[in-house]
Amino acid sequence: MTHLWVRAEQRPNEERVGLTPEGAAALIAAGIRVTVEESSVRAIPIDGYKGAGCEIAPENSWPKAPLDAIIFGLKELPEDDTPLPHCHIMFGHAYKGQYSGRALLQRFKAGGGTLYDLEYLVDELGRRVAAFGYWAGYAGAAVTLKTWAAQQRDETCPPVGVYPGKDTLNAELLAELDATGAPRPRAIVIGALGRVGAGAADLCKAMGVAVTKWDMAETASGGPFPEILDHDLFLNCIFARPGTPVFVPHEALNAPRALSAIGDVACDPDSDYNPVPVYDRATTWDQPALRVASDPVLDVIAIDNLPSMLPVESSDDYAAQLLPSLLTLTDIESGVWARARDTFLTHV
C-alpha cells in the first residue's frame, strides 16, 4: 500500500501544510495510507486529520518512518548532513545552482532517496500542477508596502508575522498607509499574467495603489528597463530561468530613481539567474527589508516563505491544486511523479 507521511514543518514561521483533512480522507478512500505528524505550529489542527482516519505520529519523527513511506512536507529539512534514504515531496530549491541545494542533493545521493520537488511537478505540457504563487504575491506586495510606509516614517520595516486571514492583514495595512499622510506609491509588477503577479496586483488594488502590469512581452527586449526605476515599488513575480533578463542591475543603486522598495517575491538571491542582483541574501520575518542603498533609499524584501503570513488561505488553495496529483501516488512511476523523478536524476 502506498504510504504518505505528512511531516511537521521545522522551519520557524512556517504554519502551512500541503494536505487538508478533507484531502487526507480522499487519499484514504483511494487506498493510500496516510500518517500525519503532530505539530505545534500547523495552522490546521490535528483533530481534523484524526477525524479523517489518518494515523498520527509524533512531531518530527519522520526520520524513523518506514523506508517505503513517502515523506511529504513543504519547506526545507534541518541542515544536518544526514543521508536521506526516503522519497521526499517538498520544495528543495536545489536545481538553480543554489549552494544549499547542492548540499541537499548530496544527502539524497548518500542515502539513496529521491526528491520529488514540488516546484517541478508539471503536467505533460510542462505547466506546474500546483503553486502557492497567488498568496506569495499577495503577501509579498503587503510587506513591500509596509516597507514603503516605514520609509515615510524614516524607519526600516518592523518584523512581520502570521495573520488569521487576509481581511485582518488588509485592515492593518490600510491603516498603516493612511497614517503616513502621503499619496499612495506607484508600483510595477513584472510577471503580472501569472498567479504570483495576480496576487501582488490584487493586494495593490485593495490598497488603492496604481499598478503597471508587465509580462514577457514587455521584457522581451532583454533590457535595460529604465521604466522600473520610475516607479516607487517594483514587485518581481517571475520564475527565474536561464535567459531571464536583469531587471534592476547593480548600477541602478547610484542612478536617479523613484524606486525605493523592491519586493522580490521570486526570492532567488543565490541563483545563477537572479534578475535582481542588487542583493545577495534572503530577508527574514524579523528583518523583512535589506537596505542596499541609502541615498536615495532602496530596500529589498526577499522572504522565501511569504505565503505563511496567510497560512489558512494558502494551505487550502495549494492543497486543493495538489490533491489530484497526490491521488496518483499509487502509480508513482508515471505522470507528474515520473517527470519529477527524472528531473531529480538529471540534477543529482
Protein backbone atom coordinates (compact mmCIF):
# COMPACT_ATOMS: atom_id res chain seq x y z
CA MET A 1 0.00 0.00 0.00
CA THR A 2 1.26 3.48 -0.88
CA HIS A 3 2.10 5.30 2.36
CA LEU A 4 2.16 9.10 2.54
CA TRP A 5 3.75 10.56 5.69
CA VAL A 6 2.94 14.25 6.27
CA ARG A 7 5.76 15.67 8.39
CA ALA A 8 5.62 18.66 10.72
CA GLU A 9 7.38 21.74 9.39
CA GLN A 10 10.60 22.51 11.24
CA ARG A 11 11.30 25.95 9.85
CA PRO A 12 10.43 29.00 12.00
CA ASN A 13 7.31 30.91 10.94
CA GLU A 14 6.05 28.03 8.81
CA GLU A 15 2.46 27.05 9.61
CA ARG A 16 1.31 25.82 6.19
CA VAL A 17 0.55 22.27 5.16
CA GLY A 18 0.07 20.71 1.75
CA LEU A 19 -2.78 18.38 2.67
CA THR A 20 -6.05 19.25 4.39
CA PRO A 21 -8.14 16.75 6.40
CA GLU A 22 -10.62 16.60 3.53
CA GLY A 23 -7.80 15.75 1.13
CA ALA A 24 -6.47 13.14 3.52
CA ALA A 25 -9.89 11.49 3.63
CA ALA A 26 -9.93 11.36 -0.18
CA LEU A 27 -6.49 9.72 -0.25
CA ILE A 28 -7.53 7.11 2.34
CA ALA A 29 -10.67 6.38 0.33
CA ALA A 30 -8.43 5.80 -2.70
CA GLY A 31 -6.42 3.18 -0.81
CA ILE A 32 -3.47 5.33 0.28
CA ARG A 33 -2.23 5.03 3.85
CA VAL A 34 -1.82 8.48 5.42
CA THR A 35 0.24 9.30 8.51
CA VAL A 36 0.24 12.87 9.82
CA GLU A 37 2.73 14.09 12.40
CA GLU A 38 1.55 16.15 15.31
CA SER A 39 2.66 19.77 15.01
CA SER A 40 2.90 22.60 17.48
CA VAL A 41 2.56 25.22 14.74
CA ARG A 42 0.42 23.84 11.89
CA ALA A 43 -2.46 26.18 11.03
CA ILE A 44 -4.87 23.24 10.61
CA PRO A 45 -5.42 21.36 13.91
CA ILE A 46 -4.56 17.67 14.21
CA ASP A 47 -8.11 16.74 15.24
CA GLY A 48 -9.29 17.16 11.66
CA TYR A 49 -6.77 14.59 10.47
CA LYS A 50 -7.76 12.20 13.25
CA GLY A 51 -11.36 12.51 12.17
CA ALA A 52 -10.39 11.79 8.57
CA GLY A 53 -8.89 8.45 9.62
CA CYS A 54 -5.19 9.34 9.45
CA GLU A 55 -2.60 7.64 11.60
CA ILE A 56 -0.97 10.15 13.94
CA ALA A 57 2.79 10.18 14.62
CA PRO A 58 4.92 12.27 17.00
CA GLU A 59 6.24 15.60 15.76
CA ASN A 60 9.46 15.37 13.72
CA SER A 61 9.54 11.56 13.80
CA TRP A 62 9.80 11.21 10.01
CA PRO A 63 13.49 10.09 10.03
CA LYS A 64 12.28 6.87 11.68
CA ALA A 65 9.38 6.32 9.28
CA PRO A 66 9.29 3.06 7.32
CA LEU A 67 11.64 3.28 4.35
CA ASP A 68 8.78 2.78 1.91
CA ALA A 69 6.91 5.83 3.28
CA ILE A 70 6.88 8.93 1.09
CA ILE A 71 7.70 11.91 3.30
CA PHE A 72 5.64 14.98 2.42
CA GLY A 73 6.45 18.48 3.64
CA LEU A 74 6.80 21.95 2.22
CA LYS A 75 9.93 23.78 3.29
CA GLU A 76 13.49 22.62 3.80
CA LEU A 77 14.74 19.97 6.18
CA PRO A 78 17.18 20.70 9.01
CA GLU A 79 20.66 21.06 7.51
CA ASP A 80 22.42 18.32 9.47
CA ASP A 81 24.15 16.49 6.59
CA THR A 82 22.44 13.17 7.38
CA PRO A 83 21.82 10.88 4.40
CA LEU A 84 18.24 10.83 3.11
CA PRO A 85 17.03 7.30 2.28
CA HIS A 86 13.31 8.12 1.85
CA CYS A 87 11.42 9.57 -1.06
CA HIS A 88 10.59 13.18 -0.17
CA ILE A 89 7.98 15.51 -1.63
CA MET A 90 8.92 19.13 -0.83
CA PHE A 91 10.35 22.36 -2.19
CA GLY A 92 14.03 21.50 -2.48
CA HIS A 93 15.36 24.75 -4.02
CA ALA A 94 18.17 22.65 -5.44
CA TYR A 95 18.09 22.95 -9.23
CA LYS A 96 19.17 26.54 -9.92
CA GLY A 97 22.72 26.40 -8.66
CA GLN A 98 21.88 27.25 -5.04
CA TYR A 99 24.70 26.36 -2.65
CA SER A 100 22.34 24.85 -0.07
CA GLY A 101 20.61 22.91 -2.83
CA ARG A 102 23.83 21.19 -3.80
CA ALA A 103 24.28 20.06 -0.20
CA LEU A 104 20.72 18.69 -0.20
CA LEU A 105 21.35 16.69 -3.37
CA GLN A 106 24.48 15.22 -1.80
CA ARG A 107 22.35 13.99 1.12
CA PHE A 108 19.94 12.27 -1.27
CA LYS A 109 22.83 10.76 -3.18
CA ALA A 110 24.37 9.45 0.05
CA GLY A 111 21.12 7.95 1.31
CA GLY A 112 19.69 6.65 -1.94
CA GLY A 113 16.47 8.62 -1.57
CA THR A 114 14.58 10.62 -4.19
CA LEU A 115 13.40 14.23 -4.24
CA TYR A 116 10.05 14.91 -5.88
CA ASP A 117 10.39 18.68 -5.97
CA LEU A 118 7.03 20.44 -5.70
CA GLU A 119 8.29 23.26 -7.90
CA TYR A 120 8.91 20.72 -10.68
CA LEU A 121 5.67 18.75 -10.54
CA VAL A 122 4.47 19.51 -14.06
CA ASP A 123 1.88 18.22 -16.49
CA GLU A 124 2.68 16.88 -19.94
CA LEU A 125 2.93 20.46 -21.27
CA GLY A 126 5.42 21.48 -18.61
CA ARG A 127 2.98 23.54 -16.54
CA ARG A 128 3.14 23.33 -12.77
CA VAL A 129 0.27 21.39 -11.28
CA ALA A 130 0.20 23.36 -8.01
CA ALA A 131 1.71 26.58 -6.72
CA PHE A 132 1.47 28.90 -3.75
CA GLY A 133 2.03 31.77 -6.15
CA TYR A 134 -1.10 33.83 -5.62
CA TRP A 135 -0.66 34.16 -1.86
CA ALA A 136 3.10 34.66 -2.21
CA GLY A 137 2.39 37.63 -4.46
CA TYR A 138 -0.32 38.93 -2.15
CA ALA A 139 1.85 38.75 0.97
CA GLY A 140 4.95 40.00 -0.86
CA ALA A 141 3.14 43.11 -2.03
CA ALA A 142 1.87 43.68 1.51
CA VAL A 143 5.36 43.54 3.03
CA THR A 144 6.70 45.80 0.28
CA LEU A 145 4.01 48.36 1.09
CA LYS A 146 4.81 48.03 4.80
CA THR A 147 8.43 48.78 3.91
CA TRP A 148 7.42 51.85 1.90
CA ALA A 149 5.25 53.08 4.79
CA ALA A 150 8.18 52.65 7.18
CA GLN A 151 10.37 54.69 4.82
CA GLN A 152 7.87 57.55 5.06
CA ARG A 153 8.46 57.49 8.82
CA ASP A 154 12.26 57.42 8.30
CA GLU A 155 12.27 53.91 9.72
CA THR A 156 13.01 50.40 8.50
CA CYS A 157 10.27 47.82 8.16
CA PRO A 158 9.40 46.25 11.52
CA PRO A 159 9.05 42.48 11.98
CA VAL A 160 6.10 40.78 10.28
CA GLY A 161 4.08 37.82 11.45
CA VAL A 162 1.22 35.44 10.77
CA TYR A 163 -2.34 36.69 10.19
CA PRO A 164 -5.55 34.74 10.81
CA GLY A 165 -6.80 35.85 7.39
CA LYS A 166 -6.38 38.41 4.63
CA ASP A 167 -9.09 40.72 5.99
CA THR A 168 -7.04 41.27 9.14
CA LEU A 169 -3.90 41.94 7.08
CA ASN A 170 -5.73 44.36 4.77
CA ALA A 171 -7.25 46.36 7.61
CA GLU A 172 -3.89 46.75 9.33
CA LEU A 173 -2.09 47.72 6.14
CA LEU A 174 -4.73 50.28 5.08
CA ALA A 175 -4.44 51.99 8.45
CA GLU A 176 -0.65 51.98 8.17
CA LEU A 177 -0.67 53.55 4.70
CA ASP A 178 -3.26 56.18 5.67
CA ALA A 179 -1.21 57.14 8.71
CA THR A 180 1.74 58.19 6.52
CA GLY A 181 -0.29 61.09 5.12
CA ALA A 182 1.49 60.57 1.79
CA PRO A 183 -0.09 59.86 -1.60
CA ARG A 184 -0.10 56.20 -2.48
CA PRO A 185 3.07 54.97 -4.24
CA ARG A 186 3.15 53.70 -7.83
CA ALA A 187 4.02 50.04 -8.37
CA ILE A 188 5.18 47.94 -11.30
CA VAL A 189 4.56 44.20 -11.33
CA ILE A 190 6.62 42.01 -13.68
CA GLY A 191 5.03 38.63 -14.20
CA ALA A 192 1.57 40.15 -14.00
CA LEU A 193 -0.10 37.43 -16.09
CA GLY A 194 0.90 34.67 -13.66
CA ARG A 195 -0.60 33.67 -10.33
CA VAL A 196 2.13 35.42 -8.32
CA GLY A 197 1.64 38.65 -10.22
CA ALA A 198 -2.14 38.41 -9.91
CA GLY A 199 -1.86 38.15 -6.14
CA ALA A 200 0.51 41.12 -5.98
CA ALA A 201 -1.72 43.23 -8.21
CA ASP A 202 -4.85 42.33 -6.21
CA LEU A 203 -3.24 43.41 -2.93
CA CYS A 204 -2.15 46.70 -4.51
CA LYS A 205 -5.66 47.29 -5.87
CA ALA A 206 -7.15 46.65 -2.43
CA MET A 207 -4.78 49.31 -1.03
CA GLY A 208 -5.54 51.89 -3.72
CA VAL A 209 -2.08 51.57 -5.29
CA ALA A 210 -1.82 52.13 -9.05
CA VAL A 211 -0.11 49.22 -10.81
CA THR A 212 1.76 48.99 -14.11
CA LYS A 213 1.48 45.39 -15.28
CA TRP A 214 4.30 43.85 -17.31
CA ASP A 215 4.89 40.33 -18.50
CA MET A 216 7.00 38.57 -21.12
CA ALA A 217 6.05 40.87 -23.98
CA GLU A 218 7.29 43.96 -22.15
CA THR A 219 10.61 42.36 -21.13
CA ALA A 220 11.38 40.50 -24.37
CA SER A 221 13.93 43.14 -25.41
CA GLY A 222 16.25 41.97 -22.63
CA GLY A 223 16.68 45.43 -21.11
CA PRO A 224 17.73 47.79 -19.78
CA PHE A 225 14.38 48.78 -18.28
CA PRO A 226 14.54 52.39 -17.02
CA GLU A 227 10.76 52.37 -16.55
CA ILE A 228 11.21 50.22 -13.44
CA LEU A 229 13.22 52.99 -11.79
CA ASP A 230 10.39 55.47 -12.43
CA HIS A 231 8.07 53.55 -10.07
CA ASP A 232 8.19 53.71 -6.28
CA LEU A 233 7.78 49.95 -5.91
CA PHE A 234 8.90 47.01 -8.05
CA LEU A 235 7.38 43.58 -7.47
CA ASN A 236 9.33 40.79 -9.17
CA CYS A 237 6.92 37.90 -9.73
CA ILE A 238 8.64 35.85 -12.42
CA PHE A 239 10.08 32.34 -12.33
CA ALA A 240 13.79 32.86 -12.99
CA ARG A 241 15.44 30.56 -15.50
CA PRO A 242 18.34 30.66 -17.98
CA GLY A 243 17.92 33.69 -20.22
CA THR A 244 15.88 35.72 -17.74
CA PRO A 245 16.90 39.38 -18.20
CA VAL A 246 18.26 41.53 -15.40
CA PHE A 247 15.55 43.94 -14.27
CA VAL A 248 17.48 46.05 -11.74
CA PRO A 249 21.25 45.98 -12.36
CA HIS A 250 23.77 46.92 -9.70
CA GLU A 251 24.44 50.30 -11.30
CA ALA A 252 20.81 51.27 -10.56
CA LEU A 253 21.80 51.72 -6.93
CA ASN A 254 23.51 55.01 -7.82
CA ALA A 255 21.16 56.07 -10.63
CA PRO A 256 18.45 58.74 -10.37
CA ARG A 257 15.27 56.88 -9.46
CA ALA A 258 11.92 56.99 -7.73
CA LEU A 259 12.30 53.31 -6.86
CA SER A 260 12.66 52.84 -3.10
CA ALA A 261 11.43 49.30 -2.45
CA ILE A 262 11.78 46.01 -4.35
CA GLY A 263 9.61 43.08 -3.41
CA ASP A 264 11.48 40.10 -4.86
CA VAL A 265 8.70 37.56 -4.44
CA ALA A 266 10.62 35.00 -6.51
CA CYS A 267 13.43 35.25 -3.96
CA ASP A 268 16.40 33.52 -5.59
CA PRO A 269 19.32 35.61 -4.31
CA ASP A 270 21.86 32.79 -4.62
CA SER A 271 20.63 31.59 -8.00
CA ASP A 272 22.73 32.00 -11.12
CA TYR A 273 19.61 33.53 -12.74
CA ASN A 274 18.68 36.17 -10.15
CA PRO A 275 17.15 39.07 -12.14
CA VAL A 276 17.58 41.48 -9.20
CA PRO A 277 21.33 41.17 -8.45
CA VAL A 278 21.45 44.17 -6.12
CA TYR A 279 21.25 41.92 -3.06
CA ASP A 280 22.82 38.62 -2.06
CA ARG A 281 20.72 37.05 0.71
CA ALA A 282 17.14 36.39 1.65
CA THR A 283 15.48 38.54 4.28
CA THR A 284 13.60 37.31 7.32
CA TRP A 285 10.38 37.80 9.24
CA ASP A 286 12.30 39.60 11.97
CA GLN A 287 14.15 41.81 9.47
CA PRO A 288 11.96 41.90 6.34
CA ALA A 289 13.88 44.59 4.47
CA LEU A 290 17.52 44.71 3.46
CA ARG A 291 18.82 48.23 2.75
CA VAL A 292 21.02 48.12 -0.33
CA ALA A 293 21.31 51.89 -0.92
CA SER A 294 20.83 54.91 1.30
CA ASP A 295 20.96 57.95 -0.99
CA PRO A 296 18.26 57.65 -2.11
CA VAL A 297 16.98 54.77 -0.03
CA LEU A 298 16.39 51.37 -1.63
CA ASP A 299 15.19 48.38 0.37
CA VAL A 300 14.79 44.81 -0.86
CA ILE A 301 12.19 42.43 0.57
CA ALA A 302 13.01 38.78 -0.19
CA ILE A 303 11.29 36.41 2.25
CA ASP A 304 11.16 32.89 0.83
CA ASN A 305 8.06 31.64 2.67
CA LEU A 306 5.74 34.59 2.20
CA PRO A 307 2.50 32.56 1.90
CA SER A 308 2.95 31.56 5.54
CA MET A 309 1.77 35.02 6.50
CA LEU A 310 -1.68 33.74 5.49
CA PRO A 311 -1.34 30.03 6.28
CA VAL A 312 -5.00 29.02 6.20
CA GLU A 313 -5.84 30.57 2.82
CA SER A 314 -2.59 29.46 1.24
CA SER A 315 -2.83 25.90 2.58
CA ASP A 316 -6.42 25.45 1.43
CA ASP A 317 -5.64 26.82 -2.02
CA TYR A 318 -2.45 24.82 -2.56
CA ALA A 319 -3.80 21.56 -1.15
CA ALA A 320 -6.79 21.72 -3.49
CA GLN A 321 -4.48 22.16 -6.50
CA LEU A 322 -2.14 19.36 -5.44
CA LEU A 323 -4.70 16.73 -4.40
CA PRO A 324 -5.36 15.32 -7.92
CA SER A 325 -1.64 14.57 -8.25
CA LEU A 326 -1.40 13.05 -4.76
CA LEU A 327 -4.24 10.73 -5.72
CA THR A 328 -1.97 9.29 -8.46
CA LEU A 329 0.80 8.32 -5.99
CA THR A 330 -0.35 4.72 -6.37
CA ASP A 331 1.29 4.92 -9.81
CA ILE A 332 4.41 6.89 -8.91
CA GLU A 333 6.31 5.52 -11.92
CA SER A 334 4.31 7.60 -14.40
CA GLY A 335 2.85 11.06 -14.90
CA VAL A 336 3.90 14.03 -12.80
CA TRP A 337 5.89 11.84 -10.40
CA ALA A 338 7.96 10.20 -13.12
CA ARG A 339 8.74 13.61 -14.61
CA ALA A 340 9.78 14.96 -11.21
CA ARG A 341 11.96 11.90 -10.60
CA ASP A 342 13.68 12.32 -13.97
CA THR A 343 14.39 15.98 -13.16
CA PHE A 344 15.91 14.91 -9.84
CA LEU A 345 18.09 12.26 -11.50
CA THR A 346 19.35 14.80 -14.03
CA HIS A 347 20.46 17.19 -11.30
CA VAL A 348 21.73 14.70 -8.75
